[in-house]
Amino acid sequence: MSIPSRTEAAQLLRDLDPPDWLLKHSAAVADIAAFLSAAIERRGHAISVALAESAALLHDVDKALPDDNPLKGLGHGYAGAEWLSEKGFGELAGAVESHSVTRLADDAHYAVWSRMATVEERVVAYADKRAKQDLVPMDERFRKWIQRHGDADPMRVARERADALEAEVCAAAGVSPSDVKRMPWAETALRGDE
């Protein structure tokens, strides 16, 4: 197993010919993860910046797979993790598999994830909670998810757990949520200019 470089991760995604909205969202998540990872590393915490950046760029790779791809039947996150493992990039699988907001609402998954998730997995999951096509507050992201999934207990639980994740990741990075920024690299890589 290996971790793809920024250029390799961008090429993997581009090769699937994803829609523009997916490229923009993936770039935003990757840029936010780069900012957080660099801040966490500067504070002396162990983190693989390369793993966090590549996993963030590829976190929604299963949304770019053709509809007839058999992996799609595994569900969001799981399909992407399996696809990356098959490509030889299994080190990214944990972060890709567990990033979805619905995983935060799943009590059994969360019980294990909250104890066992790596810092890279936490960074990718949090970066996704802060990105639409650009960096946004979590309130804005959750408004969309509540529209899609309903304003029911699972989304309220997911939001509470996302708030805890935000506090944890921002504390490790030494920033407040309002100080989170994008460290731009992904759009350049996705254009093939890097």
Protein backbone atom coordinates (compact mmCIF):
# COMPACT_ATOMS: atom_id res chain seq x y z
CA MET A 1 0.00 0.00 0.00
CA SER A 2 1.06 3.55 -0.56
CA ILE A 3 -0.17 7.11 -0.31
CA PRO A 4 -0.62 8.86 -3.65
CA SER A 5 1.08 12.21 -4.09
CA ARG A 6 -1.05 15.29 -4.63
CA THR A 7 -0.51 14.92 -8.37
CA GLU A 8 -1.38 11.20 -8.36
CA ALA A 9 -4.51 11.78 -6.24
CA ALA A 10 -5.67 14.53 -8.60
CA GLN A 11 -5.04 12.29 -11.61
CA LEU A 12 -7.02 9.43 -10.05
CA LEU A 13 -10.00 11.72 -9.62
CA ARG A 14 -9.66 13.41 -13.03
CA ASP A 15 -9.48 10.03 -14.77
CA LEU A 16 -13.04 9.34 -13.60
CA ASP A 17 -14.26 12.50 -15.35
CA PRO A 18 -16.29 13.76 -12.38
CA PRO A 19 -18.78 16.61 -12.65
CA ASP A 20 -17.56 20.13 -11.89
CA TRP A 21 -19.51 20.32 -8.62
CA LEU A 22 -17.65 17.26 -7.33
CA LEU A 23 -14.27 18.67 -8.35
CA LYS A 24 -15.02 21.95 -6.56
CA HIS A 25 -16.24 20.24 -3.41
CA SER A 26 -13.30 17.80 -3.37
CA ALA A 27 -10.83 20.67 -3.85
CA ALA A 28 -12.40 22.63 -0.99
CA VAL A 29 -12.23 19.63 1.36
CA ALA A 30 -8.61 18.95 0.36
CA ASP A 31 -7.57 22.59 0.86
CA ILE A 32 -9.21 22.71 4.31
CA ALA A 33 -7.57 19.41 5.27
CA ALA A 34 -4.20 20.79 4.10
CA PHE A 35 -4.62 23.88 6.29
CA LEU A 36 -5.60 21.84 9.34
CA SER A 37 -2.94 19.17 8.80
CA ALA A 38 -0.16 21.75 8.44
CA ALA A 39 -1.33 23.51 11.61
CA ILE A 40 -1.50 20.22 13.53
CA GLU A 41 2.00 19.26 12.33
CA ARG A 42 3.42 22.69 13.29
CA ARG A 43 2.12 22.14 16.81
CA GLY A 44 4.21 18.98 17.03
CA HIS A 45 1.43 16.40 16.70
CA ALA A 46 2.06 13.29 14.61
CA ILE A 47 0.09 13.44 11.37
CA SER A 48 0.64 12.30 7.81
CA VAL A 49 -0.14 15.47 5.90
CA ALA A 50 0.11 13.57 2.61
CA LEU A 51 -2.44 10.98 3.72
CA ALA A 52 -4.88 13.64 4.97
CA GLU A 53 -4.57 15.71 1.79
CA SER A 54 -4.95 12.79 -0.62
CA ALA A 55 -7.79 11.19 1.34
CA ALA A 56 -9.57 14.54 1.49
CA LEU A 57 -9.25 15.04 -2.27
CA LEU A 58 -10.54 11.51 -2.90
CA HIS A 59 -13.09 11.28 -0.07
CA ASP A 60 -16.06 11.30 -2.49
CA VAL A 61 -14.40 9.29 -5.27
CA ASP A 62 -17.28 6.80 -5.30
CA LYS A 63 -19.61 9.58 -6.49
CA ALA A 64 -17.53 9.72 -9.69
CA LEU A 65 -17.70 5.98 -10.38
CA PRO A 66 -20.00 4.94 -13.23
CA ASP A 67 -23.52 4.01 -12.12
CA ASP A 68 -22.98 0.42 -13.26
CA ASN A 69 -19.83 -0.04 -11.17
CA PRO A 70 -20.52 -2.96 -8.80
CA LEU A 71 -18.79 -1.16 -5.94
CA LYS A 72 -21.61 1.40 -5.87
CA GLY A 73 -23.71 -1.25 -4.11
CA LEU A 74 -21.47 -0.97 -1.04
CA GLY A 75 -22.78 2.51 -0.32
CA HIS A 76 -21.14 5.91 -0.03
CA GLY A 77 -17.74 5.89 1.57
CA TYR A 78 -17.44 2.12 1.55
CA ALA A 79 -17.38 2.03 -2.26
CA GLY A 80 -14.68 4.69 -2.43
CA ALA A 81 -12.58 2.96 0.22
CA GLU A 82 -12.78 -0.34 -1.65
CA TRP A 83 -11.99 1.31 -5.00
CA LEU A 84 -8.89 2.97 -3.52
CA SER A 85 -7.80 -0.32 -1.92
CA GLU A 86 -8.12 -2.05 -5.29
CA LYS A 87 -5.93 0.68 -6.81
CA GLY A 88 -3.23 0.05 -4.19
CA PHE A 89 -4.06 3.03 -1.98
CA GLY A 90 -5.62 1.22 0.96
CA GLU A 91 -3.98 3.59 3.44
CA LEU A 92 -6.63 6.14 2.44
CA ALA A 93 -9.51 3.73 2.98
CA GLY A 94 -10.23 4.53 6.63
CA ALA A 95 -10.58 8.25 6.06
CA VAL A 96 -12.66 7.79 2.91
CA GLU A 97 -14.90 5.13 4.42
CA SER A 98 -15.77 7.02 7.58
CA HIS A 99 -16.10 10.67 6.47
CA SER A 100 -19.85 10.70 5.77
CA VAL A 101 -22.18 12.68 8.03
CA THR A 102 -24.41 9.62 8.35
CA ARG A 103 -21.54 7.77 10.08
CA LEU A 104 -21.69 10.33 12.89
CA ALA A 105 -25.35 9.44 13.41
CA ASP A 106 -24.66 5.69 13.50
CA ASP A 107 -24.23 4.84 17.20
CA ALA A 108 -22.37 1.56 16.62
CA HIS A 109 -19.99 3.07 14.09
CA TYR A 110 -19.41 6.19 16.19
CA ALA A 111 -18.71 4.21 19.37
CA VAL A 112 -15.71 2.61 17.66
CA TRP A 113 -14.71 5.55 15.46
CA SER A 114 -14.64 8.08 18.31
CA ARG A 115 -12.09 5.92 20.13
CA MET A 116 -10.08 4.54 17.23
CA ALA A 117 -10.07 7.09 14.39
CA THR A 118 -6.69 8.42 13.37
CA VAL A 119 -6.00 12.13 13.33
CA GLU A 120 -6.07 12.00 9.51
CA GLU A 121 -9.53 10.38 9.56
CA ARG A 122 -10.76 13.08 11.92
CA VAL A 123 -9.30 15.87 9.78
CA VAL A 124 -10.94 14.53 6.60
CA ALA A 125 -14.30 14.04 8.33
CA TYR A 126 -14.20 17.56 9.76
CA ALA A 127 -12.98 19.19 6.52
CA ASP A 128 -15.97 17.62 4.75
CA LYS A 129 -18.30 19.15 7.36
CA ARG A 130 -16.90 22.60 6.48
CA ALA A 131 -17.01 22.44 2.68
CA LYS A 132 -19.64 22.73 0.04
CA GLN A 133 -18.11 24.26 -3.09
CA ASP A 134 -16.03 26.42 -0.76
CA LEU A 135 -15.34 26.78 2.95
CA VAL A 136 -18.59 27.34 4.88
CA PRO A 137 -19.68 27.23 8.53
CA MET A 138 -21.02 23.88 9.74
CA ASP A 139 -24.46 25.47 10.14
CA GLU A 140 -24.65 25.89 6.38
CA ARG A 141 -23.57 22.29 5.71
CA PHE A 142 -26.07 20.90 8.18
CA ARG A 143 -28.92 22.93 6.69
CA LYS A 144 -28.37 21.01 3.44
CA TRP A 145 -28.13 17.63 5.17
CA ILE A 146 -31.27 18.31 7.20
CA GLN A 147 -33.10 19.11 3.95
CA ARG A 148 -31.89 15.80 2.49
CA HIS A 149 -32.17 13.53 5.54
CA GLY A 150 -34.87 15.31 7.56
CA ASP A 151 -34.76 17.18 10.86
CA ALA A 152 -34.88 14.03 12.94
CA ASP A 153 -32.89 12.61 15.84
CA PRO A 154 -30.13 11.11 13.65
CA MET A 155 -29.22 14.52 12.19
CA ARG A 156 -29.34 16.14 15.64
CA VAL A 157 -27.01 13.43 16.96
CA ALA A 158 -24.72 13.87 13.95
CA ARG A 159 -24.58 17.61 14.57
CA GLU A 160 -23.69 17.17 18.25
CA ARG A 161 -20.92 14.77 17.30
CA ALA A 162 -19.74 17.08 14.50
CA ASP A 163 -19.50 19.90 17.05
CA ALA A 164 -17.32 17.68 19.25
CA LEU A 165 -15.20 16.75 16.23
CA GLU A 166 -14.80 20.42 15.35
CA ALA A 167 -13.65 21.25 18.88
CA GLU A 168 -11.16 18.38 18.86
CA VAL A 169 -9.64 19.06 15.44
CA CYS A 170 -9.47 22.82 15.94
CA ALA A 171 -7.83 22.36 19.35
CA ALA A 172 -5.20 20.08 17.81
CA ALA A 173 -4.60 22.68 15.08
CA GLY A 174 -4.55 25.56 17.58
CA VAL A 175 -7.26 27.50 15.74
CA SER A 176 -10.85 28.47 16.35
CA PRO A 177 -13.49 27.31 13.86
CA SER A 178 -13.73 30.86 12.52
CA ASP A 179 -9.97 30.80 11.78
CA VAL A 180 -10.13 27.69 9.58
CA LYS A 181 -9.00 28.50 6.06
CA ARG A 182 -8.18 26.85 2.76
CA MET A 183 -4.55 26.18 1.91
CA PRO A 184 -4.98 26.26 -1.86
CA TRP A 185 -3.39 23.47 -3.86
CA ALA A 186 -6.12 21.13 -5.03
CA GLU A 187 -7.65 23.18 -7.85
CA THR A 188 -4.18 23.61 -9.39
CA ALA A 189 -3.52 19.88 -9.07
CA LEU A 190 -6.89 19.03 -10.58
CA ARG A 191 -6.11 21.24 -13.57
CA GLY A 192 -2.85 19.30 -13.98
CA ASP A 193 -0.77 22.45 -13.33
CA GLU A 194 1.02 21.18 -10.24
